[in-house]
Protein backbone atom coordinates (compact mmCIF):
# COMPACT_ATOMS: atom_id res chain seq x y z
CA MET A 1 152.24 245.52 141.19
CA ALA A 2 155.58 243.85 140.11
CA LEU A 3 155.24 240.35 138.79
CA ARG A 4 157.12 237.56 140.52
CA ARG A 5 157.56 234.01 139.01
CA VAL A 6 156.94 231.48 141.98
CA ALA A 7 158.41 228.34 140.82
CA ILE A 8 155.62 225.99 141.96
CA ASP A 9 153.90 223.55 139.67
CA THR A 10 150.22 223.69 140.58
CA TRP A 11 149.25 221.16 137.91
CA ARG A 12 147.02 222.82 135.48
CA GLU A 13 145.64 225.50 137.99
CA ASN A 14 146.45 229.15 137.80
CA VAL A 15 147.47 230.34 141.33
CA ALA A 16 148.38 233.85 142.45
CA TYR A 17 150.31 234.66 145.62
CA LEU A 18 149.79 237.93 147.60
CA HIS A 19 151.46 238.81 150.83
CA ARG A 20 149.10 239.14 153.72
CA ASP A 21 150.31 242.71 154.32
CA CYS A 22 149.98 243.78 150.75
CA ALA A 23 148.07 247.03 150.36
CA VAL A 24 146.03 245.62 147.44
CA TYR A 25 145.04 242.58 149.36
CA ARG A 26 143.85 244.68 152.35
CA ALA A 27 142.07 247.34 150.16
CA GLU A 28 140.28 244.87 147.86
CA GLY A 29 139.19 242.50 150.60
CA PHE A 30 140.58 239.37 148.90
CA GLN A 31 140.29 236.12 150.70
CA ALA A 32 142.14 233.00 150.21
CA LEU A 33 140.76 230.97 147.31
CA SER A 34 139.05 234.05 145.75
CA LYS A 35 140.10 234.70 142.16
CA VAL A 36 141.96 237.67 140.62
CA ASP A 37 142.27 238.99 137.13
CA VAL A 38 145.94 239.63 136.17
CA ARG A 39 146.54 241.75 133.12
CA ALA A 40 149.72 242.75 131.26
CA ASN A 41 150.90 243.56 127.75
CA GLY A 42 147.39 242.83 126.16
CA ARG A 43 147.08 239.45 128.00
CA HIS A 44 145.23 238.34 131.04
CA VAL A 45 144.92 235.24 133.24
CA LEU A 46 142.39 234.42 135.98
CA ALA A 47 144.13 232.87 139.03
CA THR A 48 143.09 231.63 142.49
CA VAL A 49 144.59 233.68 145.30
CA ASN A 50 146.88 231.93 147.92
CA VAL A 51 148.03 234.16 150.82
CA VAL A 52 151.58 234.07 152.08
CA ASP A 53 153.38 235.36 155.07
CA ASP A 54 156.98 235.00 153.93
CA PRO A 55 158.45 237.87 151.95
CA CYS A 56 161.05 235.39 150.56
CA ILE A 57 158.07 233.96 148.42
CA VAL A 58 156.47 237.30 147.49
CA GLY A 59 156.93 240.72 148.86
CA CYS A 60 154.20 243.27 149.82
CA ASN A 61 154.49 245.12 146.42
CA GLU A 62 154.62 241.94 144.38
CA LEU A 63 152.22 239.57 142.78
CA GLY A 64 153.34 235.86 142.51
CA LEU A 65 152.20 233.58 139.77
CA SER A 66 152.64 229.89 139.63
CA GLU A 67 154.50 228.22 136.74
CA ASP A 68 151.51 227.63 134.58
CA ALA A 69 150.07 231.09 135.04
CA PHE A 70 153.30 232.89 134.60
CA ALA A 71 153.88 231.08 131.21
CA GLN A 72 150.39 232.01 130.02
CA LEU A 73 150.85 235.72 130.83
CA GLY A 74 154.16 235.76 128.84
CA VAL A 75 155.88 238.67 130.42
CA PRO A 76 159.24 238.70 132.40
CA ASN A 77 159.91 238.81 136.12
CA GLY A 78 159.45 242.40 137.47
CA TYR A 79 156.97 243.41 134.72
CA MET A 80 154.22 245.72 136.11
CA VAL A 81 150.83 244.04 136.09
CA ALA A 82 147.32 245.23 136.79
CA VAL A 83 145.30 243.17 139.38
CA SER A 84 141.65 243.25 140.05
CA GLN A 85 138.96 241.03 141.40
CA ALA A 86 137.70 238.57 138.86
CA GLU A 87 134.21 238.33 137.70
CA PRO A 88 132.61 234.78 138.00
CA PRO A 89 132.92 232.71 134.96
CA GLU A 90 129.95 233.15 132.49
CA SER A 91 129.06 229.45 132.74
CA MET A 92 128.67 229.41 136.53
CA GLY A 93 124.89 229.30 136.34
CA ALA A 94 125.03 226.15 134.13
CA LEU A 95 127.46 224.65 136.53
CA PHE A 96 125.10 225.14 139.47
CA ARG A 97 122.16 223.59 137.42
CA LYS A 98 124.33 220.63 136.86
CA ILE A 99 125.27 220.41 140.55
CA SER A 100 121.49 220.38 141.28
CA GLY A 101 121.11 217.41 138.94
CA GLU A 102 119.52 219.15 135.90
CA ARG A 103 120.11 217.98 132.28
CA LEU A 104 122.08 220.65 130.43
CA ALA A 105 121.73 221.80 126.84
CA ARG A 106 124.46 221.91 124.16
CA ALA A 107 125.11 225.60 124.72
CA ASP A 108 125.61 225.01 128.45
CA PHE A 109 128.34 222.32 127.86
CA HIS A 110 130.00 224.71 125.31
CA ALA A 111 129.98 227.55 127.80
CA ILE A 112 131.41 225.32 130.61
CA VAL A 113 134.04 223.73 128.53
CA ARG A 114 135.11 227.12 127.03
CA ASP A 115 135.65 228.49 130.65
CA ILE A 116 137.45 225.31 131.59
CA ALA A 117 139.87 225.56 128.63
CA GLU A 118 140.53 229.22 129.30
CA ARG A 119 141.45 228.40 132.93
CA HIS A 120 138.52 230.34 134.35
CA TYR A 121 137.72 227.51 136.81
CA SER A 122 139.58 226.84 140.04
CA LYS A 123 140.20 223.28 141.08
CA ILE A 124 137.25 223.50 143.39
CA GLU A 125 134.94 224.36 140.61
CA LEU A 126 136.37 221.87 138.25
CA THR A 127 135.90 219.19 140.99
CA ALA A 128 132.24 220.21 141.36
CA PHE A 129 131.67 219.78 137.64
CA VAL A 130 133.42 216.39 137.42
CA VAL A 131 131.64 215.02 140.58
CA ALA A 132 128.30 216.33 139.34
CA CYS A 133 128.68 214.64 135.94
CA HIS A 134 129.65 211.42 137.67
CA ARG A 135 126.92 211.35 140.40
CA ASP A 136 124.04 212.08 137.90
CA GLU A 137 125.48 210.04 134.93
CA LEU A 138 125.26 212.05 131.72
CA ASP A 139 122.78 210.66 129.20
CA ARG A 140 124.02 209.88 125.79
CA GLU A 141 123.05 213.15 124.26
CA GLU A 142 124.83 215.03 126.89
CA VAL A 143 127.96 212.97 126.31
CA PHE A 144 127.83 214.05 122.71
CA PHE A 145 127.34 217.71 123.73
CA LEU A 146 130.32 217.44 126.10
CA SER A 147 132.47 215.77 123.32
CA ASP A 148 131.56 218.40 120.89
CA ALA A 149 132.37 221.29 123.25
CA MET A 150 135.75 219.71 123.96
CA VAL A 151 136.62 219.47 120.30
CA ALA A 152 135.64 223.11 119.90
CA SER A 153 137.82 224.09 122.76
CA GLY A 154 141.14 223.72 120.84
CA GLN A 155 142.44 223.45 117.45
CA ARG A 156 141.39 220.74 114.97
CA LEU A 157 143.90 219.18 112.53
CA ASP A 158 142.96 218.46 108.92
CA TRP A 159 145.20 216.21 106.93
CA HIS A 160 143.19 216.71 103.68
CA GLU A 161 142.90 212.93 103.19
CA PRO A 162 139.72 210.81 103.25
CA LEU A 163 141.13 208.08 105.42
CA VAL A 164 143.07 208.92 108.68
CA VAL A 165 143.20 206.02 111.06
CA ASP A 166 144.04 205.70 114.78
CA LYS A 167 143.86 203.06 117.58
CA HIS A 168 143.14 203.69 121.18
CA CYS A 169 142.72 201.70 124.32
CA ILE A 170 140.60 202.78 127.26
CA GLY A 171 143.48 201.83 129.45
CA GLY A 172 144.00 199.99 132.71
CA ILE A 173 146.16 197.13 131.41
CA PRO A 174 149.92 197.52 132.14
CA GLY A 175 152.33 197.01 129.22
CA ASN A 176 149.91 196.72 126.26
CA ARG A 177 152.18 198.95 124.14
CA THR A 178 150.26 197.88 121.02
CA SER A 179 150.19 201.36 119.44
CA MET A 180 153.96 201.36 118.90
CA LEU A 181 153.62 198.31 116.80
CA ILE A 182 150.27 199.29 114.99
CA VAL A 183 151.50 202.56 113.77
CA PRO A 184 154.53 201.38 111.82
CA ILE A 185 152.44 198.33 110.43
CA VAL A 186 149.60 200.51 109.07
CA ALA A 187 151.94 203.29 107.94
CA ALA A 188 153.94 200.76 105.97
CA HIS A 189 150.65 199.68 104.32
CA GLY A 190 150.23 203.31 103.26
CA MET A 191 147.58 204.49 105.59
CA LEU A 192 147.93 207.81 107.46
CA CYS A 193 148.30 207.31 111.19
CA PRO A 194 149.27 210.45 113.13
CA LYS A 195 149.36 209.02 116.65
CA THR A 196 149.45 211.69 119.33
CA SER A 197 149.50 210.12 122.90
CA SER A 198 149.55 211.34 126.44
CA ARG A 199 152.07 210.78 129.26
CA ALA A 200 151.28 208.50 132.12
CA ILE A 201 149.39 210.03 134.94
CA THR A 202 148.54 207.13 137.24
CA SER A 203 150.12 204.33 135.17
CA PRO A 204 153.70 203.10 134.97
CA ALA A 205 154.12 204.36 131.39
CA GLY A 206 152.16 205.91 128.60
CA THR A 207 152.81 205.40 124.78
CA ALA A 208 154.70 208.89 124.73
CA ASP A 209 156.78 207.81 127.75
CA THR A 210 157.87 204.59 126.12
CA MET A 211 158.47 206.16 122.68
CA GLU A 212 160.62 208.76 124.46
CA VAL A 213 163.12 206.02 125.17
CA LEU A 214 163.63 205.79 121.39
CA ALA A 215 163.06 209.15 120.16
CA ASN A 216 162.00 212.73 120.87
CA VAL A 217 158.23 212.96 121.35
CA GLN A 218 157.85 216.76 122.10
CA LEU A 219 157.44 217.97 118.52
CA PRO A 220 156.31 221.42 117.33
CA LEU A 221 153.11 221.12 115.44
CA GLU A 222 154.73 221.95 111.99
CA GLU A 223 157.36 219.39 112.44
CA LEU A 224 154.89 216.72 113.54
CA GLN A 225 152.81 217.41 110.28
CA ARG A 226 155.96 217.11 108.16
CA ILE A 227 156.87 213.78 109.72
CA VAL A 228 153.43 212.50 109.12
CA ARG A 229 153.45 213.58 105.56
CA ASP A 230 156.91 212.03 104.83
CA HIS A 231 156.51 208.74 106.78
CA ARG A 232 152.63 208.33 107.05
CA GLY A 233 152.79 208.22 110.86
CA CYS A 234 154.20 209.46 114.05
CA LEU A 235 154.30 208.62 117.81
CA ALA A 236 154.43 211.92 119.56
CA TRP A 237 153.19 213.54 122.81
CA GLY A 238 149.94 215.40 122.04
CA GLY A 239 150.49 218.26 124.55
CA THR A 240 152.07 220.73 122.02
CA ALA A 241 149.15 220.33 119.56
CA GLN A 242 146.51 221.91 121.83
CA LEU A 243 143.96 219.20 120.91
CA SER A 244 141.00 219.23 123.18
CA PRO A 245 142.88 221.24 125.89
CA ALA A 246 139.82 221.28 128.19
CA ASP A 247 140.26 217.52 128.54
CA ASP A 248 143.75 217.85 129.87
CA VAL A 249 142.43 220.30 132.54
CA LEU A 250 139.59 217.96 133.49
CA ILE A 251 141.99 215.00 133.75
CA SER A 252 143.99 216.88 136.39
CA VAL A 253 141.09 216.45 138.84
CA GLU A 254 139.54 213.22 137.55
CA ARG A 255 142.64 211.10 138.05
CA PRO A 256 143.39 212.05 141.73
CA LEU A 257 139.61 211.38 142.54
CA ALA A 258 139.87 208.08 140.64
CA ILE A 259 136.80 209.11 138.67
CA ASP A 260 136.45 207.73 135.22
CA SER A 261 132.79 207.64 134.55
CA PRO A 262 131.71 206.21 131.11
CA GLY A 263 130.31 209.62 129.84
CA GLN A 264 133.59 211.42 130.70
CA MET A 265 135.78 208.61 129.25
CA VAL A 266 133.90 208.67 125.97
CA ALA A 267 134.04 212.49 125.62
CA SER A 268 137.82 212.51 126.51
CA ILE A 269 138.78 209.85 124.07
CA LEU A 270 136.62 210.80 121.05
CA SER A 271 137.20 214.49 121.41
CA LYS A 272 141.01 213.97 121.16
CA LYS A 273 140.57 211.71 118.18
CA ILE A 274 138.28 214.04 116.27
CA ALA A 275 140.66 217.00 117.06
CA ALA A 276 143.50 215.03 115.75
CA GLY A 277 141.84 214.69 112.36
CA SER A 278 140.97 210.96 112.63
CA THR A 279 138.27 209.64 110.33
CA HIS A 280 138.46 205.90 111.43
CA LEU A 281 139.23 204.57 114.92
CA VAL A 282 139.80 201.05 116.24
CA LEU A 283 138.93 201.05 120.06
CA ASP A 284 140.25 198.51 122.37
CA ILE A 285 138.05 197.69 125.41
CA PRO A 286 139.88 195.04 127.62
CA ILE A 287 137.67 193.21 130.20
CA GLY A 288 138.93 191.21 133.20
CA PRO A 289 138.63 191.00 137.02
CA THR A 290 141.11 193.92 137.56
CA ALA A 291 140.57 195.85 134.29
CA LYS A 292 138.53 199.08 134.08
CA VAL A 293 135.70 197.05 132.58
CA ARG A 294 134.87 193.86 134.59
CA SER A 295 132.11 192.20 132.64
CA MET A 296 130.79 191.65 129.05
CA PRO A 297 127.47 193.44 129.83
CA GLU A 298 129.37 196.52 131.06
CA ALA A 299 131.65 196.36 128.03
CA GLN A 300 128.73 196.11 125.65
CA ARG A 301 127.00 199.19 127.33
CA LEU A 302 130.16 201.08 126.92
CA ARG A 303 130.58 200.05 123.25
CA ARG A 304 127.03 201.33 122.49
CA LEU A 305 127.74 204.67 124.14
CA PHE A 306 130.97 205.01 122.17
CA GLU A 307 129.26 204.08 118.82
CA TYR A 308 126.38 206.50 119.44
CA VAL A 309 128.66 209.57 120.16
CA ALA A 310 131.15 208.66 117.39
CA HIS A 311 128.36 208.46 114.84
CA ARG A 312 127.09 211.98 115.90
CA LEU A 313 130.65 213.29 115.53
CA GLY A 314 131.12 211.71 112.16
CA LEU A 315 133.86 209.24 113.22
CA SER A 316 133.83 205.69 111.89
CA LEU A 317 134.34 203.41 114.99
CA ASP A 318 135.24 199.68 115.38
CA VAL A 319 135.11 198.72 118.96
CA VAL A 320 137.04 195.47 119.85
CA ILE A 321 136.62 193.80 123.26
CA THR A 322 139.76 192.07 124.33
CA ASP A 323 141.21 189.97 127.02
CA GLY A 324 142.24 192.18 130.03
CA ARG A 325 142.89 189.49 132.60
CA GLN A 326 146.56 190.35 132.76
CA PRO A 327 149.36 192.66 131.49
CA ILE A 328 150.17 192.50 127.74
CA GLY A 329 153.85 191.94 127.13
CA ASN A 330 156.54 191.16 129.64
CA GLY A 331 157.75 194.70 130.54
CA ILE A 332 156.04 197.34 132.67
CA GLY A 333 157.86 200.70 132.65
CA PRO A 334 159.29 202.75 129.73
CA VAL A 335 162.51 201.00 129.03
CA LEU A 336 161.05 197.50 129.49
CA GLU A 337 158.11 198.23 127.25
CA ALA A 338 160.39 199.72 124.60
CA ARG A 339 162.40 196.53 124.81
CA ASP A 340 159.26 194.39 124.08
CA VAL A 341 158.25 196.57 121.20
CA MET A 342 161.66 196.51 119.44
CA ARG A 343 161.84 192.69 120.07
CA VAL A 344 158.40 192.29 118.23
CA LEU A 345 159.48 194.53 115.48
CA GLU A 346 162.69 192.50 115.00
CA ASN A 347 160.85 189.15 115.02
CA ASP A 348 163.06 188.26 117.92
CA PRO A 349 162.15 184.70 119.27
CA SER A 350 162.12 186.16 122.97
CA ALA A 351 159.53 188.79 121.95
CA PRO A 352 156.21 188.47 123.91
CA ASN A 353 153.79 186.65 121.78
CA ASP A 354 150.68 188.06 123.40
CA LEU A 355 151.88 191.69 122.58
CA ARG A 356 152.61 190.52 118.92
CA GLN A 357 149.22 188.85 118.33
CA LYS A 358 147.15 191.52 119.83
CA SER A 359 148.99 194.22 117.80
CA LEU A 360 148.53 192.19 114.69
CA ARG A 361 144.79 191.70 115.12
CA LEU A 362 144.27 195.45 115.95
CA ALA A 363 146.47 196.52 112.98
CA GLY A 364 144.42 194.11 110.84
CA ARG A 365 141.12 195.70 111.79
CA LEU A 366 142.55 199.14 110.86
CA ILE A 367 143.97 197.89 107.63
CA GLU A 368 140.47 196.63 106.74
CA CYS A 369 139.21 200.33 106.90
CA ASP A 370 141.05 200.47 103.44
CA PRO A 371 138.35 200.09 100.77
CA ASP A 372 140.81 197.99 98.74
CA VAL A 373 141.14 195.41 101.45
CA ARG A 374 138.59 192.66 101.77
CA GLY A 375 137.06 192.10 105.13
CA GLY A 376 139.05 189.34 107.09
CA ASP A 377 142.20 189.83 105.12
CA GLY A 378 143.77 192.58 107.48
CA TYR A 379 145.53 190.21 109.87
CA ALA A 380 147.39 188.33 107.12
CA ILE A 381 148.43 191.73 105.58
CA ALA A 382 149.64 193.05 108.91
CA ARG A 383 151.54 189.80 109.69
CA ASP A 384 153.23 189.98 106.25
CA ILE A 385 154.29 193.55 106.94
CA LEU A 386 155.76 192.67 110.29
CA ASP A 387 157.38 189.38 109.31
CA SER A 388 158.98 190.94 106.13
CA GLY A 389 160.70 193.73 108.15
CA ARG A 390 158.72 196.44 106.53
CA ALA A 391 157.29 197.51 109.96
CA LEU A 392 160.69 197.73 111.49
CA ALA A 393 162.01 199.76 108.58
CA ARG A 394 159.12 202.29 108.92
CA MET A 395 159.55 202.41 112.72
CA ARG A 396 163.25 203.12 112.27
CA ALA A 397 162.39 205.91 109.77
CA ILE A 398 159.84 207.47 112.16
CA ILE A 399 162.37 207.37 114.99
CA ALA A 400 165.07 209.02 112.88
CA ALA A 401 162.69 211.67 111.90
CA GLN A 402 161.58 212.48 115.33
CA GLY A 403 165.26 212.45 116.65
CA ALA A 404 166.65 209.05 117.51
CA LYS A 405 168.03 208.24 120.90
CA GLU A 406 170.58 205.43 121.58
CA PHE A 407 168.83 202.27 122.69
CA ASP A 408 169.92 198.65 122.49
CA HIS A 409 166.98 196.42 123.43
CA ASN A 410 169.41 193.51 123.95
CA HIS A 411 171.03 195.48 126.63
CA PRO A 412 168.39 197.90 127.92
CA PRO A 413 169.52 200.48 130.47
CA LEU A 414 167.45 199.13 133.44
CA GLY A 415 167.56 200.59 137.05
CA ALA A 416 170.73 199.31 138.80
CA LEU A 417 168.79 198.11 141.80
CA SER A 418 166.53 195.00 141.69
CA PHE A 419 164.81 192.37 143.62
CA ASP A 420 162.78 189.20 142.68
CA VAL A 421 159.40 188.23 143.80
CA CYS A 422 159.05 184.36 143.96
CA ALA A 423 156.15 181.94 144.07
CA SER A 424 155.19 180.96 147.64
CA ALA A 425 153.85 177.58 146.62
CA ALA A 426 153.91 175.24 143.56
CA GLY A 427 150.93 175.42 141.11
CA VAL A 428 149.73 177.42 138.18
CA VAL A 429 149.59 181.20 137.82
CA ALA A 430 145.78 181.58 138.15
CA GLY A 431 145.55 185.36 138.54
CA ILE A 432 147.42 188.64 138.00
CA ASP A 433 146.19 191.76 139.52
CA ASN A 434 146.71 194.57 136.94
CA LEU A 435 146.17 197.41 139.47
CA GLN A 436 148.69 196.02 141.95
CA ILE A 437 151.41 195.15 139.47
CA ALA A 438 151.05 198.61 137.94
CA ARG A 439 151.22 200.15 141.49
CA ILE A 440 154.43 198.26 142.15
CA ALA A 441 156.08 199.51 139.00
CA ARG A 442 155.14 203.08 139.79
CA LEU A 443 156.50 202.79 143.43
CA ALA A 444 159.70 201.48 141.86
CA GLY A 445 159.96 204.81 140.05
CA ALA A 446 158.29 204.29 136.65
CA PRO A 447 157.80 206.38 134.50
CA LYS A 448 159.93 209.22 135.85
CA VAL A 449 162.85 206.80 136.09
CA GLN A 450 162.82 205.26 132.56
CA GLY A 451 164.72 202.11 133.66
CA ALA A 452 162.44 201.36 136.54
CA GLY A 453 159.53 198.86 136.53
CA VAL A 454 158.54 195.24 136.61
CA ASP A 455 159.77 192.48 134.18
CA LEU A 456 157.19 189.62 134.35
CA LEU A 457 158.84 186.17 133.96
CA CYS A 458 155.49 184.20 134.37
CA LYS A 459 152.06 184.77 132.97
CA LEU A 460 148.61 183.20 133.33
CA GLY A 461 148.57 179.44 132.89
CA ASP A 462 152.33 179.01 133.59
CA ALA A 463 153.30 176.15 135.85
CA VAL A 464 155.63 177.18 138.76
CA ALA A 465 157.50 175.52 141.55
CA GLN A 466 157.89 176.94 144.96
CA GLY A 467 160.67 179.56 144.81
CA ASP A 468 160.38 180.20 141.07
CA VAL A 469 160.81 183.89 140.20
CA LEU A 470 157.51 185.46 139.16
CA TYR A 471 158.80 188.83 138.30
CA ARG A 472 161.83 191.16 138.85
CA VAL A 473 161.46 194.68 140.09
CA HIS A 474 164.00 197.35 138.77
CA ALA A 475 164.68 200.75 140.40
CA GLY A 476 167.09 203.51 140.23
CA TYR A 477 166.88 204.66 143.75
CA GLY A 478 167.06 202.88 147.13
CA ALA A 479 163.89 204.53 148.51
CA ASP A 480 161.89 203.53 145.51
CA LEU A 481 163.11 199.98 145.75
CA GLU A 482 162.11 199.82 149.22
CA PHE A 483 158.65 201.23 148.57
CA ALA A 484 158.09 198.68 145.87
CA ARG A 485 159.42 195.80 148.06
CA GLN A 486 157.08 196.62 150.84
CA ALA A 487 154.14 196.84 148.51
CA SER A 488 155.00 193.50 146.86
CA ALA A 489 155.43 191.97 150.30
CA ARG A 490 151.87 193.00 151.29
CA ALA A 491 150.33 191.85 147.99
CA SER A 492 152.48 190.19 145.27
CA ALA A 493 149.69 190.61 142.57
CA TYR A 494 150.09 186.99 141.70
CA ARG A 495 147.66 184.18 142.63
CA ILE A 496 148.92 180.70 142.44
CA GLY A 497 146.31 177.86 142.04
CA THR A 498 145.22 175.38 139.36
CA ALA A 499 144.22 175.95 135.74
CA ASP A 500 140.53 175.60 136.81
CA ASP A 501 140.99 178.72 139.04
CA MET A 502 141.86 180.95 136.08
CA PRO A 503 139.16 183.55 135.40
CA ARG A 504 137.33 183.02 132.17
CA VAL A 505 136.40 185.92 129.76
CA PHE A 506 134.71 185.75 126.44
CA VAL A 507 136.18 188.27 124.09
CA GLU A 508 136.52 188.90 120.33
CA PHE A 509 140.27 187.82 120.40
């Protein structure tokens, strides 16, 4: 059959399109959602069948492939391909046992993850695996097996150094762009910190989205390695490195289902860090009423699971439990977060102090991984690197090496449309809903519109009068602005009360 590129992004699922009157479709007895094996030029992809009736999409003598599948096959439009019914993935028996609630062995997880990474699973089968692991929570040994299998599913970087550091947050806190400050600080100290980050999926911005305001983040692996060797660090998108690719596929079904079970979270984070060549990791677990982790007992359980799996994988781990009651920094959205980062690096008096202090403390914990640094001295070293301008100089060098973009943090290119959300009564800001403020920023267009998002003008504990502006919403398009306006009208994300109404959390800093 002649191959036809169907320009549909099916989000990490291979989809094949056959016309209902196609002779192959009739002869082979295909049904919608069955799978086909498509072969050409020594390559093959497995794809889920979708049946179409419109010859403008695919003709009777053609086989259509979605964007992802077409790219994997690597042949041009019109190329003649062989199509046959696909055999079930080899790991299907293990998947069915997990669905039945059985405990799986190491070989079972390796087989399942290998099939996932090779795109042998449909979205339905992926969903079945994710839900089965969520419903019957994986024990800690199974979490290690899953993590180990995910590392093995892609390539693993080796920096040929005994100390390779990284920092990661489990997420759920808007802003919180500490990585963009920690990397230049620890790199200026001389430590190797190759930071590969993801783009936002359900948040208003990821580290890669924010760094992209300042520099190119889509770097070929060879260029990324050169930058790290030359500057001791980078801030790049991890998609080009093929690190734990099965994790990216699993995330494509976990996020829409809002499933983020502890076992799957641990496997996702640690597999990426091991694959990136990290030897030492500082892990940030924020706790708060609207954070991913709501209580100290829950945080301690998660910490023990991370520590067990990290030890089995040979990764030195330092878990830090932090304050997650509100966003960190003032900006939520790529341009606003980049503004905050550059203000901290330049020691600007208007820089958000919470972002500065949290970054310094986390950087200090990483610096203390250096055997030449005495325990407890890391914070002072990090502060000196930031205050002296060495962190700014290193960040500018990294930005230039990755391909600098024009950006003036004093005049950031914000969305031209905006509206203010004001306090309905006088009092004290007693609560900020992380989930709702992130949702408003996304409805405003972040991260796809870099200048969209939310600029916080008040934080927890601030006294406000009736009518004072709590935050300003920026958008690039009228429809986005209206969606955000309606959401903020239903729930502003701010609670006004007294200082005694503020939630209390007991954290390490």
